């Protein structure tokens, strides 16, 4: 069992930065693929970024490449999403997700994740 709690969201102006954190509990965190998804009002949940259990591999949504960086700290059982140069279209609730069933293209699909946080709101003003 893994429990996830996100934090770090807020209201920022376009061009600003935020660092989202995902604090996990549970002894299996280090073996989990971790990911961030987001959901804007009226839209489906969208993959943003994922990182393998070893942190050697990552995936990113094309529109966030170069602006978002996913990372993890297995010693502190946490994952992070550094968001730079925020744009109004980044406005959404951001969710942290975890799953132990290995790495690969499945990491891009929300259905691949068993464990989810409650979400943190990111609002970007223009």
Foldseek 3Di string as FASTA:
>chain_A
DKAWAKDWADEEAAQAKIKIKIQMDDDCLLLKKKFKWWDDPPDDIFGAKIAGSVRPDMDGDPVQPPFWDWDADVVRSMIMIIGGRDDQVVWTWMKMFIDNPGDDPCRRDPVRTDYIYPTDTHGYHD
